[in-house]
Amino acid sequence: MTQSGIPQSHVDLLTKKAFAHLVTLLPDGKPQSTPVWVDYDGKHILINTAEGRLKDKNMQRDPRIAFSVTDPENPYRYLEVRGRVVERTKAGAEQHIDAMAKRYLGQDKYPFRKAGEERVIYKVQAERSSSM
């Protein structure tokens, strides 16, 4: 079913240990896909990344994104979202990546930090979604 926003029946896919495949657009318009951890604040989809990564550069240049996430307990249940970045912020990004590490890895601190790395949170507004 296609609709605007996130269907309440599939919000759990954004708040549990389920990997999303984020699609951003390269400078030449070609799609680029990356598996990511995903979160939801009740209004926006949250994507946390390190500043300077390809997805960071792509989303700064072109705010249009898409992603799909499959239920790890039922691979036939999924959510596909098309939307746009409405905010990029460093505020709370370090704490957020630690919270995501707790959910996805069972660790209190994100263990893959690199020296000098700056984290950013992208807030995405869902414009269209489909689910099964």
N, C-alpha and C. Protein backbone atom coordinates (compact mmCIF):
# COMPACT_ATOMS: atom_id res chain seq x y z
N MET A 1 0.84 -1.17 0.00
CA MET A 1 0.00 0.00 0.00
C MET A 1 0.89 1.25 0.00
N THR A 2 0.60 2.20 -0.86
CA THR A 2 1.35 3.45 -0.92
C THR A 2 0.57 4.54 -0.20
N GLN A 3 1.27 5.34 0.59
CA GLN A 3 0.63 6.42 1.32
C GLN A 3 1.66 7.49 1.65
N SER A 4 1.19 8.61 2.18
CA SER A 4 2.12 9.63 2.64
C SER A 4 2.48 9.34 4.09
N GLY A 5 3.68 9.70 4.49
CA GLY A 5 4.11 9.47 5.85
C GLY A 5 4.46 8.02 6.14
N ILE A 6 4.60 7.71 7.42
CA ILE A 6 4.95 6.36 7.88
C ILE A 6 3.69 5.70 8.42
N PRO A 7 3.33 4.53 7.90
CA PRO A 7 2.15 3.85 8.46
C PRO A 7 2.43 3.38 9.89
N GLN A 8 1.48 3.61 10.77
CA GLN A 8 1.64 3.23 12.17
C GLN A 8 1.96 1.74 12.31
N SER A 9 1.45 0.94 11.39
CA SER A 9 1.66 -0.51 11.43
C SER A 9 3.12 -0.92 11.20
N HIS A 10 3.94 0.03 10.71
CA HIS A 10 5.33 -0.30 10.39
C HIS A 10 6.37 0.57 11.11
N VAL A 11 5.92 1.40 12.03
CA VAL A 11 6.84 2.25 12.81
C VAL A 11 7.87 1.40 13.55
N ASP A 12 7.47 0.21 13.99
CA ASP A 12 8.40 -0.65 14.74
C ASP A 12 9.66 -0.98 13.95
N LEU A 13 9.56 -0.98 12.61
CA LEU A 13 10.75 -1.28 11.79
C LEU A 13 11.80 -0.19 11.91
N LEU A 14 11.38 1.00 12.34
CA LEU A 14 12.31 2.12 12.50
C LEU A 14 12.84 2.25 13.92
N THR A 15 12.33 1.43 14.81
CA THR A 15 12.72 1.56 16.22
C THR A 15 13.28 0.26 16.80
N LYS A 16 13.50 -0.73 15.96
CA LYS A 16 14.12 -1.95 16.44
C LYS A 16 15.38 -2.23 15.62
N LYS A 17 16.02 -3.31 15.90
CA LYS A 17 17.29 -3.65 15.23
C LYS A 17 17.01 -4.17 13.81
N ALA A 18 16.74 -3.23 12.91
CA ALA A 18 16.48 -3.55 11.51
C ALA A 18 17.34 -2.61 10.66
N PHE A 19 18.05 -3.17 9.71
CA PHE A 19 18.92 -2.36 8.86
C PHE A 19 18.15 -1.80 7.68
N ALA A 20 18.40 -0.55 7.39
CA ALA A 20 17.80 0.10 6.22
C ALA A 20 18.85 0.20 5.12
N HIS A 21 18.40 0.24 3.90
CA HIS A 21 19.28 0.48 2.75
C HIS A 21 18.93 1.86 2.21
N LEU A 22 19.81 2.81 2.52
CA LEU A 22 19.62 4.22 2.17
C LEU A 22 20.11 4.48 0.76
N VAL A 23 19.29 5.13 -0.04
CA VAL A 23 19.67 5.52 -1.39
C VAL A 23 19.76 7.04 -1.44
N THR A 24 20.94 7.52 -1.83
CA THR A 24 21.17 8.94 -2.08
C THR A 24 21.58 9.09 -3.54
N LEU A 25 21.69 10.33 -3.98
CA LEU A 25 22.03 10.58 -5.38
C LEU A 25 23.43 11.16 -5.51
N LEU A 26 24.22 10.56 -6.39
CA LEU A 26 25.56 11.05 -6.70
C LEU A 26 25.46 12.32 -7.53
N PRO A 27 26.56 13.06 -7.68
CA PRO A 27 26.52 14.30 -8.46
C PRO A 27 25.99 14.12 -9.89
N ASP A 28 26.22 12.96 -10.48
CA ASP A 28 25.74 12.72 -11.84
C ASP A 28 24.30 12.19 -11.88
N GLY A 29 23.65 12.10 -10.71
CA GLY A 29 22.27 11.66 -10.63
C GLY A 29 22.09 10.16 -10.46
N LYS A 30 23.17 9.42 -10.50
CA LYS A 30 23.07 7.97 -10.30
C LYS A 30 22.81 7.66 -8.83
N PRO A 31 22.06 6.59 -8.55
CA PRO A 31 21.79 6.24 -7.15
C PRO A 31 23.00 5.58 -6.50
N GLN A 32 23.11 5.78 -5.19
CA GLN A 32 24.15 5.16 -4.38
C GLN A 32 23.46 4.61 -3.15
N SER A 33 23.67 3.33 -2.83
CA SER A 33 22.99 2.67 -1.73
C SER A 33 23.98 2.27 -0.64
N THR A 34 23.56 2.47 0.61
CA THR A 34 24.38 2.14 1.77
C THR A 34 23.50 1.55 2.86
N PRO A 35 23.89 0.41 3.46
CA PRO A 35 23.13 -0.06 4.62
C PRO A 35 23.42 0.85 5.82
N VAL A 36 22.36 1.20 6.54
CA VAL A 36 22.50 2.12 7.67
C VAL A 36 21.61 1.68 8.82
N TRP A 37 21.99 2.15 10.02
CA TRP A 37 21.11 2.07 11.16
C TRP A 37 20.10 3.20 11.01
N VAL A 38 18.90 2.98 11.46
CA VAL A 38 17.85 3.99 11.30
C VAL A 38 17.08 4.13 12.60
N ASP A 39 16.55 5.33 12.82
CA ASP A 39 15.81 5.63 14.04
C ASP A 39 14.62 6.52 13.66
N TYR A 40 13.71 6.69 14.60
CA TYR A 40 12.50 7.49 14.35
C TYR A 40 12.16 8.25 15.61
N ASP A 41 11.92 9.56 15.49
CA ASP A 41 11.60 10.38 16.66
C ASP A 41 10.11 10.68 16.79
N GLY A 42 9.30 9.99 15.99
CA GLY A 42 7.86 10.23 16.00
C GLY A 42 7.42 11.16 14.90
N LYS A 43 8.36 11.90 14.33
CA LYS A 43 8.06 12.82 13.24
C LYS A 43 9.02 12.62 12.07
N HIS A 44 10.30 12.43 12.38
CA HIS A 44 11.33 12.29 11.35
C HIS A 44 12.08 10.97 11.47
N ILE A 45 12.54 10.48 10.35
CA ILE A 45 13.47 9.37 10.32
C ILE A 45 14.84 9.96 10.59
N LEU A 46 15.62 9.33 11.45
CA LEU A 46 16.94 9.83 11.82
C LEU A 46 18.02 8.92 11.25
N ILE A 47 18.98 9.53 10.58
CA ILE A 47 20.12 8.80 10.03
C ILE A 47 21.37 9.49 10.57
N ASN A 48 22.21 8.72 11.25
CA ASN A 48 23.42 9.24 11.86
C ASN A 48 24.61 8.76 11.03
N THR A 49 25.49 9.69 10.67
CA THR A 49 26.67 9.32 9.89
C THR A 49 27.84 10.21 10.28
N ALA A 50 29.00 9.85 9.79
CA ALA A 50 30.19 10.68 10.03
C ALA A 50 30.26 11.75 8.94
N GLU A 51 30.62 12.94 9.35
CA GLU A 51 30.79 14.04 8.42
C GLU A 51 31.85 13.67 7.37
N GLY A 52 31.56 13.97 6.11
CA GLY A 52 32.51 13.73 5.04
C GLY A 52 32.31 12.41 4.30
N ARG A 53 31.48 11.53 4.83
CA ARG A 53 31.21 10.28 4.11
C ARG A 53 30.38 10.59 2.87
N LEU A 54 30.37 9.64 1.94
CA LEU A 54 29.69 9.86 0.67
C LEU A 54 28.21 10.19 0.86
N LYS A 55 27.53 9.46 1.72
CA LYS A 55 26.11 9.76 1.94
C LYS A 55 25.91 11.14 2.53
N ASP A 56 26.84 11.58 3.39
CA ASP A 56 26.79 12.93 3.95
C ASP A 56 26.91 13.97 2.84
N LYS A 57 27.88 13.80 1.98
CA LYS A 57 28.06 14.74 0.86
C LYS A 57 26.85 14.74 -0.06
N ASN A 58 26.35 13.54 -0.37
CA ASN A 58 25.20 13.43 -1.27
C ASN A 58 23.97 14.11 -0.70
N MET A 59 23.68 13.89 0.59
CA MET A 59 22.47 14.47 1.18
C MET A 59 22.59 15.98 1.37
N GLN A 60 23.81 16.48 1.54
CA GLN A 60 23.98 17.93 1.62
C GLN A 60 23.70 18.59 0.27
N ARG A 61 24.12 17.92 -0.78
CA ARG A 61 23.96 18.47 -2.13
C ARG A 61 22.53 18.30 -2.65
N ASP A 62 21.92 17.13 -2.37
CA ASP A 62 20.58 16.82 -2.88
C ASP A 62 19.81 16.14 -1.75
N PRO A 63 18.79 16.78 -1.21
CA PRO A 63 18.10 16.25 -0.03
C PRO A 63 17.16 15.07 -0.31
N ARG A 64 16.98 14.71 -1.56
CA ARG A 64 16.07 13.59 -1.86
C ARG A 64 16.73 12.25 -1.52
N ILE A 65 15.99 11.43 -0.79
CA ILE A 65 16.49 10.10 -0.41
C ILE A 65 15.37 9.08 -0.55
N ALA A 66 15.76 7.83 -0.50
CA ALA A 66 14.82 6.72 -0.38
C ALA A 66 15.51 5.66 0.45
N PHE A 67 14.73 4.84 1.10
CA PHE A 67 15.32 3.69 1.79
C PHE A 67 14.26 2.62 1.94
N SER A 68 14.74 1.42 2.13
CA SER A 68 13.85 0.31 2.45
C SER A 68 14.43 -0.40 3.67
N VAL A 69 13.53 -0.94 4.46
CA VAL A 69 13.92 -1.70 5.64
C VAL A 69 13.02 -2.94 5.70
N THR A 70 13.64 -4.07 5.95
CA THR A 70 12.93 -5.35 6.02
C THR A 70 12.88 -5.81 7.47
N ASP A 71 11.75 -6.35 7.85
CA ASP A 71 11.59 -6.87 9.21
C ASP A 71 12.52 -8.07 9.39
N PRO A 72 13.45 -8.02 10.35
CA PRO A 72 14.36 -9.15 10.54
C PRO A 72 13.65 -10.44 10.98
N GLU A 73 12.43 -10.31 11.50
CA GLU A 73 11.68 -11.48 11.94
C GLU A 73 10.75 -12.03 10.86
N ASN A 74 10.52 -11.25 9.80
CA ASN A 74 9.65 -11.66 8.71
C ASN A 74 10.10 -10.94 7.44
N PRO A 75 10.94 -11.58 6.63
CA PRO A 75 11.52 -10.91 5.47
C PRO A 75 10.50 -10.50 4.41
N TYR A 76 9.24 -10.93 4.55
CA TYR A 76 8.20 -10.52 3.59
C TYR A 76 7.49 -9.25 4.05
N ARG A 77 7.85 -8.75 5.24
CA ARG A 77 7.29 -7.51 5.76
C ARG A 77 8.34 -6.43 5.62
N TYR A 78 7.98 -5.32 4.97
CA TYR A 78 8.97 -4.28 4.71
C TYR A 78 8.30 -2.90 4.71
N LEU A 79 9.17 -1.90 4.72
CA LEU A 79 8.76 -0.50 4.59
C LEU A 79 9.70 0.15 3.61
N GLU A 80 9.15 0.83 2.63
CA GLU A 80 9.93 1.61 1.67
C GLU A 80 9.50 3.06 1.82
N VAL A 81 10.47 3.97 1.92
CA VAL A 81 10.17 5.38 2.15
C VAL A 81 10.89 6.23 1.13
N ARG A 82 10.19 7.21 0.60
CA ARG A 82 10.80 8.26 -0.22
C ARG A 82 10.55 9.58 0.50
N GLY A 83 11.60 10.38 0.62
CA GLY A 83 11.44 11.63 1.35
C GLY A 83 12.58 12.58 1.08
N ARG A 84 12.68 13.55 1.99
CA ARG A 84 13.75 14.52 1.83
C ARG A 84 14.29 14.95 3.18
N VAL A 85 15.57 15.28 3.17
CA VAL A 85 16.24 15.78 4.36
C VAL A 85 15.68 17.16 4.67
N VAL A 86 15.27 17.35 5.93
CA VAL A 86 14.77 18.65 6.35
C VAL A 86 15.71 19.33 7.36
N GLU A 87 16.66 18.56 7.89
CA GLU A 87 17.62 19.15 8.83
C GLU A 87 18.87 18.27 8.90
N ARG A 88 20.00 18.94 9.05
CA ARG A 88 21.29 18.29 9.31
C ARG A 88 21.85 18.97 10.54
N THR A 89 22.17 18.17 11.58
CA THR A 89 22.65 18.78 12.82
C THR A 89 23.72 17.92 13.48
N LYS A 90 24.61 18.59 14.18
CA LYS A 90 25.60 17.89 15.00
C LYS A 90 25.11 17.78 16.44
N ALA A 91 24.09 18.56 16.79
CA ALA A 91 23.57 18.58 18.16
C ALA A 91 23.02 17.21 18.53
N GLY A 92 23.60 16.61 19.57
CA GLY A 92 23.14 15.33 20.06
C GLY A 92 23.60 14.13 19.25
N ALA A 93 24.40 14.35 18.21
CA ALA A 93 24.78 13.26 17.31
C ALA A 93 25.67 12.22 17.99
N GLU A 94 26.56 12.66 18.88
CA GLU A 94 27.43 11.70 19.58
C GLU A 94 26.61 10.80 20.51
N GLN A 95 25.68 11.39 21.24
CA GLN A 95 24.83 10.61 22.14
C GLN A 95 23.92 9.68 21.34
N HIS A 96 23.45 10.17 20.20
CA HIS A 96 22.55 9.36 19.37
C HIS A 96 23.27 8.13 18.81
N ILE A 97 24.51 8.29 18.35
CA ILE A 97 25.21 7.12 17.80
C ILE A 97 25.50 6.10 18.90
N ASP A 98 25.72 6.57 20.13
CA ASP A 98 25.90 5.63 21.24
C ASP A 98 24.60 4.88 21.53
N ALA A 99 23.47 5.57 21.47
CA ALA A 99 22.17 4.91 21.67
C ALA A 99 21.91 3.89 20.56
N MET A 100 22.31 4.23 19.34
CA MET A 100 22.14 3.30 18.23
C MET A 100 23.06 2.08 18.40
N ALA A 101 24.27 2.30 18.91
CA ALA A 101 25.20 1.19 19.16
C ALA A 101 24.60 0.24 20.21
N LYS A 102 23.91 0.80 21.19
CA LYS A 102 23.25 -0.02 22.21
C LYS A 102 22.19 -0.90 21.55
N ARG A 103 21.38 -0.31 20.68
CA ARG A 103 20.32 -1.07 20.02
C ARG A 103 20.88 -2.12 19.06
N TYR A 104 21.81 -1.72 18.21
CA TYR A 104 22.28 -2.61 17.14
C TYR A 104 23.41 -3.55 17.56
N LEU A 105 24.23 -3.13 18.52
CA LEU A 105 25.40 -3.94 18.90
C LEU A 105 25.37 -4.42 20.34
N GLY A 106 24.47 -3.85 21.15
CA GLY A 106 24.45 -4.20 22.57
C GLY A 106 25.61 -3.58 23.33
N GLN A 107 26.21 -2.51 22.78
CA GLN A 107 27.34 -1.83 23.42
C GLN A 107 26.95 -0.42 23.82
N ASP A 108 27.48 0.04 24.96
CA ASP A 108 27.13 1.37 25.45
C ASP A 108 27.73 2.50 24.63
N LYS A 109 28.86 2.25 24.00
CA LYS A 109 29.54 3.27 23.19
C LYS A 109 29.74 2.74 21.77
N TYR A 110 29.61 3.63 20.81
CA TYR A 110 29.85 3.28 19.41
C TYR A 110 31.32 2.92 19.24
N PRO A 111 31.65 1.68 18.89
CA PRO A 111 33.03 1.23 18.90
C PRO A 111 33.85 1.55 17.64
N PHE A 112 33.22 2.12 16.62
CA PHE A 112 33.92 2.32 15.35
C PHE A 112 34.35 3.77 15.12
N ARG A 113 34.36 4.58 16.18
CA ARG A 113 34.78 5.99 16.04
C ARG A 113 36.21 6.07 15.55
N LYS A 114 36.45 7.02 14.69
CA LYS A 114 37.81 7.31 14.23
C LYS A 114 38.24 8.64 14.84
N ALA A 115 39.53 8.79 15.04
CA ALA A 115 40.06 10.03 15.61
C ALA A 115 39.61 11.22 14.77
N GLY A 116 39.09 12.24 15.43
CA GLY A 116 38.68 13.46 14.75
C GLY A 116 37.34 13.38 14.04
N GLU A 117 36.68 12.24 14.12
CA GLU A 117 35.40 12.05 13.43
C GLU A 117 34.32 12.93 14.06
N GLU A 118 33.54 13.60 13.22
CA GLU A 118 32.40 14.40 13.66
C GLU A 118 31.13 13.69 13.19
N ARG A 119 30.21 13.44 14.11
CA ARG A 119 28.95 12.79 13.77
C ARG A 119 27.89 13.84 13.44
N VAL A 120 26.99 13.48 12.54
CA VAL A 120 25.86 14.34 12.19
C VAL A 120 24.59 13.49 12.13
N ILE A 121 23.48 14.12 12.44
CA ILE A 121 22.18 13.47 12.32
C ILE A 121 21.43 14.14 11.17
N TYR A 122 20.89 13.33 10.30
CA TYR A 122 20.01 13.81 9.25
C TYR A 122 18.58 13.50 9.67
N LYS A 123 17.72 14.51 9.62
CA LYS A 123 16.31 14.32 9.89
C LYS A 123 15.60 14.31 8.54
N VAL A 124 14.88 13.23 8.29
CA VAL A 124 14.22 13.03 7.00
C VAL A 124 12.70 13.06 7.19
N GLN A 125 12.05 13.84 6.34
CA GLN A 125 10.59 13.87 6.31
C GLN A 125 10.12 12.86 5.27
N ALA A 126 9.33 11.89 5.70
CA ALA A 126 8.77 10.91 4.77
C ALA A 126 7.70 11.60 3.94
N GLU A 127 7.82 11.47 2.62
CA GLU A 127 6.81 12.04 1.73
C GLU A 127 5.86 10.96 1.20
N ARG A 128 6.41 9.82 0.87
CA ARG A 128 5.63 8.67 0.38
C ARG A 128 6.22 7.40 0.98
N SER A 129 5.38 6.45 1.22
CA SER A 129 5.88 5.15 1.69
C SER A 129 5.00 4.05 1.12
N SER A 130 5.58 2.89 1.07
CA SER A 130 4.81 1.68 0.73
C SER A 130 5.25 0.60 1.69
N SER A 131 4.36 -0.30 1.96
CA SER A 131 4.67 -1.34 2.94
C SER A 131 3.89 -2.60 2.63
N MET A 132 4.38 -3.66 3.23
CA MET A 132 3.69 -4.94 3.12
C MET A 132 3.84 -5.64 4.43
